[in-house]
All heavy atoms as atom14 arrays in JSON, in Angstrom:
{
  "sequence": "CTCWTKDEPMDVMTDLLQAIEVRRALDQGE",
  "atom14_mask": [
    [1, 1, 1, 1, 1, 1, 0, 0, 0, 0, 0, 0, 0, 0],
    [1, 1, 1, 1, 1, 1, 1, 0, 0, 0, 0, 0, 0, 0],
    [1, 1, 1, 1, 1, 1, 0, 0, 0, 0, 0, 0, 0, 0],
    [1, 1, 1, 1, 1, 1, 1, 1, 1, 1, 1, 1, 1, 1],
    [1, 1, 1, 1, 1, 1, 1, 0, 0, 0, 0, 0, 0, 0],
    [1, 1, 1, 1, 1, 1, 1, 1, 1, 0, 0, 0, 0, 0],
    [1, 1, 1, 1, 1, 1, 1, 1, 0, 0, 0, 0, 0, 0],
    [1, 1, 1, 1, 1, 1, 1, 1, 1, 0, 0, 0, 0, 0],
    [1, 1, 1, 1, 1, 1, 1, 0, 0, 0, 0, 0, 0, 0],
    [1, 1, 1, 1, 1, 1, 1, 1, 0, 0, 0, 0, 0, 0],
    [1, 1, 1, 1, 1, 1, 1, 1, 0, 0, 0, 0, 0, 0],
    [1, 1, 1, 1, 1, 1, 1, 0, 0, 0, 0, 0, 0, 0],
    [1, 1, 1, 1, 1, 1, 1, 1, 0, 0, 0, 0, 0, 0],
    [1, 1, 1, 1, 1, 1, 1, 0, 0, 0, 0, 0, 0, 0],
    [1, 1, 1, 1, 1, 1, 1, 1, 0, 0, 0, 0, 0, 0],
    [1, 1, 1, 1, 1, 1, 1, 1, 0, 0, 0, 0, 0, 0],
    [1, 1, 1, 1, 1, 1, 1, 1, 0, 0, 0, 0, 0, 0],
    [1, 1, 1, 1, 1, 1, 1, 1, 1, 0, 0, 0, 0, 0],
    [1, 1, 1, 1, 1, 0, 0, 0, 0, 0, 0, 0, 0, 0],
    [1, 1, 1, 1, 1, 1, 1, 1, 0, 0, 0, 0, 0, 0],
    [1, 1, 1, 1, 1, 1, 1, 1, 1, 0, 0, 0, 0, 0],
    [1, 1, 1, 1, 1, 1, 1, 0, 0, 0, 0, 0, 0, 0],
    [1, 1, 1, 1, 1, 1, 1, 1, 1, 1, 1, 0, 0, 0],
    [1, 1, 1, 1, 1, 1, 1, 1, 1, 1, 1, 0, 0, 0],
    [1, 1, 1, 1, 1, 0, 0, 0, 0, 0, 0, 0, 0, 0],
    [1, 1, 1, 1, 1, 1, 1, 1, 0, 0, 0, 0, 0, 0],
    [1, 1, 1, 1, 1, 1, 1, 1, 0, 0, 0, 0, 0, 0],
    [1, 1, 1, 1, 1, 1, 1, 1, 1, 0, 0, 0, 0, 0],
    [1, 1, 1, 1, 0, 0, 0, 0, 0, 0, 0, 0, 0, 0],
    [1, 1, 1, 1, 1, 1, 1, 1, 1, 0, 0, 0, 0, 0]
  ],
  "atom14_positions": [
    [[-6.63, 26.81, -23.51], [-5.26, 27.07, -23.08], [-4.35, 27.14, -24.29], [-4.66, 26.62, -25.36], [-4.78, 26.03, -22.07], [-4.47, 24.41, -22.73], [0.0, 0.0, 0.0], [0.0, 0.0, 0.0], [0.0, 0.0, 0.0], [0.0, 0.0, 0.0], [0.0, 0.0, 0.0], [0.0, 0.0, 0.0], [0.0, 0.0, 0.0], [0.0, 0.0, 0.0]],
    [[-3.23, 27.79, -24.12], [-2.31, 28.03, -25.23], [-1.39, 26.86, -25.49], [-0.84, 26.75, -26.58], [-1.45, 29.28, -24.95], [-0.81, 29.13, -23.69], [-2.3, 30.53, -24.94], [0.0, 0.0, 0.0], [0.0, 0.0, 0.0], [0.0, 0.0, 0.0], [0.0, 0.0, 0.0], [0.0, 0.0, 0.0], [0.0, 0.0, 0.0], [0.0, 0.0, 0.0]],
    [[-1.23, 25.95, -24.53], [-0.25, 24.88, -24.72], [-0.83, 23.65, -25.38], [-0.08, 22.8, -25.86], [0.42, 24.52, -23.4], [-0.68, 23.81, -22.18], [0.0, 0.0, 0.0], [0.0, 0.0, 0.0], [0.0, 0.0, 0.0], [0.0, 0.0, 0.0], [0.0, 0.0, 0.0], [0.0, 0.0, 0.0], [0.0, 0.0, 0.0], [0.0, 0.0, 0.0]],
    [[-2.15, 23.5, -25.44], [-2.74, 22.28, -26.02], [-4.16, 22.57, -26.46], [-4.92, 23.19, -25.74], [-2.72, 21.17, -24.99], [-2.97, 19.81, -25.56], [-4.03, 18.99, -25.26], [-2.17, 19.09, -26.48], [-3.92, 17.81, -25.95], [-2.77, 17.84, -26.7], [-0.98, 19.37, -27.15], [-2.25, 16.89, -27.57], [-0.44, 18.42, -27.99], [-1.08, 17.2, -28.2]],
    [[-4.52, 22.12, -27.64], [-5.89, 22.32, -28.11], [-6.46, 21.01, -28.65], [-5.75, 20.19, -29.21], [-5.94, 23.37, -29.25], [-5.11, 22.93, -30.32], [-5.48, 24.72, -28.77], [0.0, 0.0, 0.0], [0.0, 0.0, 0.0], [0.0, 0.0, 0.0], [0.0, 0.0, 0.0], [0.0, 0.0, 0.0], [0.0, 0.0, 0.0], [0.0, 0.0, 0.0]],
    [[-7.73, 20.85, -28.42], [-8.53, 19.75, -28.95], [-9.95, 20.27, -29.07], [-10.28, 21.33, -28.54], [-8.5, 18.54, -28.01], [-7.28, 17.67, -28.14], [-7.49, 16.38, -27.39], [-6.36, 15.43, -27.72], [-6.47, 14.18, -26.95], [0.0, 0.0, 0.0], [0.0, 0.0, 0.0], [0.0, 0.0, 0.0], [0.0, 0.0, 0.0], [0.0, 0.0, 0.0]],
    [[-10.77, 19.5, -29.73], [-12.16, 19.92, -29.91], [-12.93, 20.0, -28.6], [-13.74, 20.89, -28.4], [-12.89, 18.96, -30.86], [-12.37, 19.05, -32.28], [-11.83, 20.12, -32.64], [-12.49, 18.07, -33.02], [0.0, 0.0, 0.0], [0.0, 0.0, 0.0], [0.0, 0.0, 0.0], [0.0, 0.0, 0.0], [0.0, 0.0, 0.0], [0.0, 0.0, 0.0]],
    [[-12.68, 19.07, -27.71], [-13.41, 19.02, -26.44], [-12.54, 19.51, -25.28], [-11.47, 18.96, -25.03], [-13.85, 17.58, -26.15], [-14.89, 17.05, -27.1], [-16.21, 17.81, -26.97], [-16.58, 18.19, -25.84], [-16.85, 18.01, -28.01], [0.0, 0.0, 0.0], [0.0, 0.0, 0.0], [0.0, 0.0, 0.0], [0.0, 0.0, 0.0], [0.0, 0.0, 0.0]],
    [[-12.98, 20.53, -24.56], [-12.22, 21.04, -23.42], [-11.89, 19.98, -22.38], [-10.81, 19.99, -21.79], [-13.12, 22.13, -22.84], [-13.99, 22.55, -23.97], [-14.19, 21.32, -24.8], [0.0, 0.0, 0.0], [0.0, 0.0, 0.0], [0.0, 0.0, 0.0], [0.0, 0.0, 0.0], [0.0, 0.0, 0.0], [0.0, 0.0, 0.0], [0.0, 0.0, 0.0]],
    [[-12.8, 19.03, -22.14], [-12.53, 17.99, -21.15], [-11.38, 17.09, -21.61], [-10.63, 16.59, -20.78], [-13.78, 17.15, -20.88], [-14.82, 17.89, -20.05], [-14.18, 18.54, -18.48], [-13.75, 17.05, -17.63], [0.0, 0.0, 0.0], [0.0, 0.0, 0.0], [0.0, 0.0, 0.0], [0.0, 0.0, 0.0], [0.0, 0.0, 0.0], [0.0, 0.0, 0.0]],
    [[-11.24, 16.9, -22.92], [-10.12, 16.12, -23.44], [-8.8, 16.83, -23.17], [-7.8, 16.21, -22.83], [-10.27, 15.85, -24.94], [-11.38, 14.88, -25.26], [-11.83, 14.15, -24.34], [-11.82, 14.86, -26.42], [0.0, 0.0, 0.0], [0.0, 0.0, 0.0], [0.0, 0.0, 0.0], [0.0, 0.0, 0.0], [0.0, 0.0, 0.0], [0.0, 0.0, 0.0]],
    [[-8.8, 18.15, -23.33], [-7.6, 18.94, -23.05], [-7.23, 18.82, -21.58], [-6.08, 18.55, -21.24], [-7.81, 20.43, -23.43], [-6.62, 21.27, -23.0], [-8.07, 20.57, -24.92], [0.0, 0.0, 0.0], [0.0, 0.0, 0.0], [0.0, 0.0, 0.0], [0.0, 0.0, 0.0], [0.0, 0.0, 0.0], [0.0, 0.0, 0.0], [0.0, 0.0, 0.0]],
    [[-8.22, 18.97, -20.71], [-7.96, 18.9, -19.28], [-7.45, 17.52, -18.89], [-6.49, 17.39, -18.11], [-9.23, 19.23, -18.49], [-9.0, 19.33, -17.02], [-7.9, 20.67, -16.54], [-9.05, 22.01, -16.47], [0.0, 0.0, 0.0], [0.0, 0.0, 0.0], [0.0, 0.0, 0.0], [0.0, 0.0, 0.0], [0.0, 0.0, 0.0], [0.0, 0.0, 0.0]],
    [[-8.04, 16.49, -19.45], [-7.6, 15.12, -19.17], [-6.15, 14.93, -19.59], [-5.33, 14.38, -18.84], [-8.5, 14.11, -19.89], [-9.83, 14.26, -19.39], [-8.04, 12.68, -19.68], [0.0, 0.0, 0.0], [0.0, 0.0, 0.0], [0.0, 0.0, 0.0], [0.0, 0.0, 0.0], [0.0, 0.0, 0.0], [0.0, 0.0, 0.0], [0.0, 0.0, 0.0]],
    [[-5.82, 15.37, -20.8], [-4.44, 15.24, -21.29], [-3.45, 15.97, -20.39], [-2.38, 15.45, -20.07], [-4.32, 15.79, -22.72], [-5.04, 14.95, -23.76], [-5.4, 13.79, -23.46], [-5.24, 15.46, -24.88], [0.0, 0.0, 0.0], [0.0, 0.0, 0.0], [0.0, 0.0, 0.0], [0.0, 0.0, 0.0], [0.0, 0.0, 0.0], [0.0, 0.0, 0.0]],
    [[-3.81, 17.17, -19.96], [-2.92, 17.95, -19.11], [-2.7, 17.28, -17.75], [-1.56, 17.16, -17.29], [-3.48, 19.36, -18.9], [-3.5, 20.27, -20.13], [-4.32, 21.53, -19.84], [-2.1, 20.63, -20.58], [0.0, 0.0, 0.0], [0.0, 0.0, 0.0], [0.0, 0.0, 0.0], [0.0, 0.0, 0.0], [0.0, 0.0, 0.0], [0.0, 0.0, 0.0]],
    [[-3.77, 16.83, -17.15], [-3.65, 16.2, -15.83], [-2.87, 14.89, -15.9], [-2.08, 14.58, -15.0], [-5.04, 15.99, -15.22], [-5.79, 17.28, -14.88], [-7.22, 16.98, -14.48], [-5.07, 18.08, -13.81], [0.0, 0.0, 0.0], [0.0, 0.0, 0.0], [0.0, 0.0, 0.0], [0.0, 0.0, 0.0], [0.0, 0.0, 0.0], [0.0, 0.0, 0.0]],
    [[-3.07, 14.12, -16.94], [-2.31, 12.9, -17.11], [-0.83, 13.22, -17.35], [0.05, 12.54, -16.81], [-2.87, 12.08, -18.27], [-4.21, 11.49, -17.99], [-4.81, 10.79, -19.19], [-4.33, 10.9, -20.31], [-5.88, 10.05, -18.96], [0.0, 0.0, 0.0], [0.0, 0.0, 0.0], [0.0, 0.0, 0.0], [0.0, 0.0, 0.0], [0.0, 0.0, 0.0]],
    [[-0.57, 14.22, -18.13], [0.82, 14.6, -18.42], [1.55, 15.04, -17.16], [2.76, 14.78, -17.01], [0.86, 15.71, -19.48], [0.0, 0.0, 0.0], [0.0, 0.0, 0.0], [0.0, 0.0, 0.0], [0.0, 0.0, 0.0], [0.0, 0.0, 0.0], [0.0, 0.0, 0.0], [0.0, 0.0, 0.0], [0.0, 0.0, 0.0], [0.0, 0.0, 0.0]],
    [[0.86, 15.68, -16.24], [1.48, 16.09, -14.98], [1.97, 14.86, -14.22], [3.1, 14.84, -13.7], [0.51, 16.92, -14.12], [0.31, 18.3, -14.76], [1.01, 17.04, -12.69], [-0.81, 19.12, -14.15], [0.0, 0.0, 0.0], [0.0, 0.0, 0.0], [0.0, 0.0, 0.0], [0.0, 0.0, 0.0], [0.0, 0.0, 0.0], [0.0, 0.0, 0.0]],
    [[1.16, 13.82, -14.19], [1.56, 12.59, -13.49], [2.77, 11.94, -14.15], [3.7, 11.5, -13.47], [0.38, 11.6, -13.44], [-0.74, 12.06, -12.55], [-0.29, 12.25, -11.12], [0.37, 11.35, -10.56], [-0.59, 13.31, -10.55], [0.0, 0.0, 0.0], [0.0, 0.0, 0.0], [0.0, 0.0, 0.0], [0.0, 0.0, 0.0], [0.0, 0.0, 0.0]],
    [[2.77, 11.88, -15.45], [3.91, 11.28, -16.16], [5.15, 12.15, -16.0], [6.25, 11.65, -15.78], [3.57, 11.04, -17.65], [4.8, 10.61, -18.44], [2.47, 10.0, -17.77], [0.0, 0.0, 0.0], [0.0, 0.0, 0.0], [0.0, 0.0, 0.0], [0.0, 0.0, 0.0], [0.0, 0.0, 0.0], [0.0, 0.0, 0.0], [0.0, 0.0, 0.0]],
    [[4.97, 13.46, -16.05], [6.11, 14.37, -15.9], [6.75, 14.23, -14.52], [7.98, 14.32, -14.38], [5.67, 15.82, -16.15], [6.79, 16.82, -16.1], [7.82, 16.46, -17.15], [9.08, 17.09, -16.85], [9.86, 17.65, -17.76], [9.5, 17.66, -19.02], [10.98, 18.18, -17.41], [0.0, 0.0, 0.0], [0.0, 0.0, 0.0], [0.0, 0.0, 0.0]],
    [[5.94, 14.0, -13.5], [6.49, 13.78, -12.15], [7.45, 12.6, -12.15], [8.52, 12.65, -11.55], [5.38, 13.52, -11.14], [4.69, 14.74, -10.67], [3.79, 14.47, -9.47], [3.14, 15.7, -9.1], [1.85, 15.92, -9.17], [1.04, 14.96, -9.56], [1.34, 17.07, -8.82], [0.0, 0.0, 0.0], [0.0, 0.0, 0.0], [0.0, 0.0, 0.0]],
    [[7.05, 11.53, -12.82], [7.92, 10.34, -12.9], [9.18, 10.65, -13.69], [10.28, 10.23, -13.31], [7.15, 9.19, -13.54], [0.0, 0.0, 0.0], [0.0, 0.0, 0.0], [0.0, 0.0, 0.0], [0.0, 0.0, 0.0], [0.0, 0.0, 0.0], [0.0, 0.0, 0.0], [0.0, 0.0, 0.0], [0.0, 0.0, 0.0], [0.0, 0.0, 0.0]],
    [[9.06, 11.42, -14.76], [10.23, 11.8, -15.55], [11.2, 12.62, -14.71], [12.42, 12.41, -14.78], [9.84, 12.61, -16.79], [9.05, 11.89, -17.88], [8.7, 12.87, -19.0], [9.83, 10.72, -18.42], [0.0, 0.0, 0.0], [0.0, 0.0, 0.0], [0.0, 0.0, 0.0], [0.0, 0.0, 0.0], [0.0, 0.0, 0.0], [0.0, 0.0, 0.0]],
    [[10.66, 13.53, -13.93], [11.5, 14.38, -13.08], [12.23, 13.57, -12.0], [13.24, 14.01, -11.48], [10.67, 15.49, -12.44], [10.24, 16.55, -13.45], [10.74, 16.52, -14.6], [9.4, 17.39, -13.1], [0.0, 0.0, 0.0], [0.0, 0.0, 0.0], [0.0, 0.0, 0.0], [0.0, 0.0, 0.0], [0.0, 0.0, 0.0], [0.0, 0.0, 0.0]],
    [[11.71, 12.39, -11.69], [12.36, 11.52, -10.72], [13.33, 10.55, -11.39], [13.85, 9.64, -10.75], [11.31, 10.75, -9.92], [10.48, 11.65, -9.03], [9.37, 10.9, -8.32], [9.12, 9.73, -8.57], [8.68, 11.6, -7.43], [0.0, 0.0, 0.0], [0.0, 0.0, 0.0], [0.0, 0.0, 0.0], [0.0, 0.0, 0.0], [0.0, 0.0, 0.0]],
    [[13.55, 10.74, -12.69], [14.54, 9.95, -13.41], [14.02, 8.73, -14.13], [14.8, 7.97, -14.71], [0.0, 0.0, 0.0], [0.0, 0.0, 0.0], [0.0, 0.0, 0.0], [0.0, 0.0, 0.0], [0.0, 0.0, 0.0], [0.0, 0.0, 0.0], [0.0, 0.0, 0.0], [0.0, 0.0, 0.0], [0.0, 0.0, 0.0], [0.0, 0.0, 0.0]],
    [[12.72, 8.53, -14.13], [12.15, 7.38, -14.82], [12.14, 7.63, -16.33], [11.81, 8.73, -16.77], [10.72, 7.16, -14.31], [10.23, 5.76, -14.47], [8.93, 5.55, -13.71], [8.85, 5.97, -12.54], [8.03, 4.96, -14.3], [0.0, 0.0, 0.0], [0.0, 0.0, 0.0], [0.0, 0.0, 0.0], [0.0, 0.0, 0.0], [0.0, 0.0, 0.0]]
  ]
}
């Protein structure tokens, strides 16, 4: 993907999925 790179594709996917959860909290004002 163009937004994030790492050596291992599973690491990229993990980072993206975790960031979605944190971003949801940020969008709720946390």
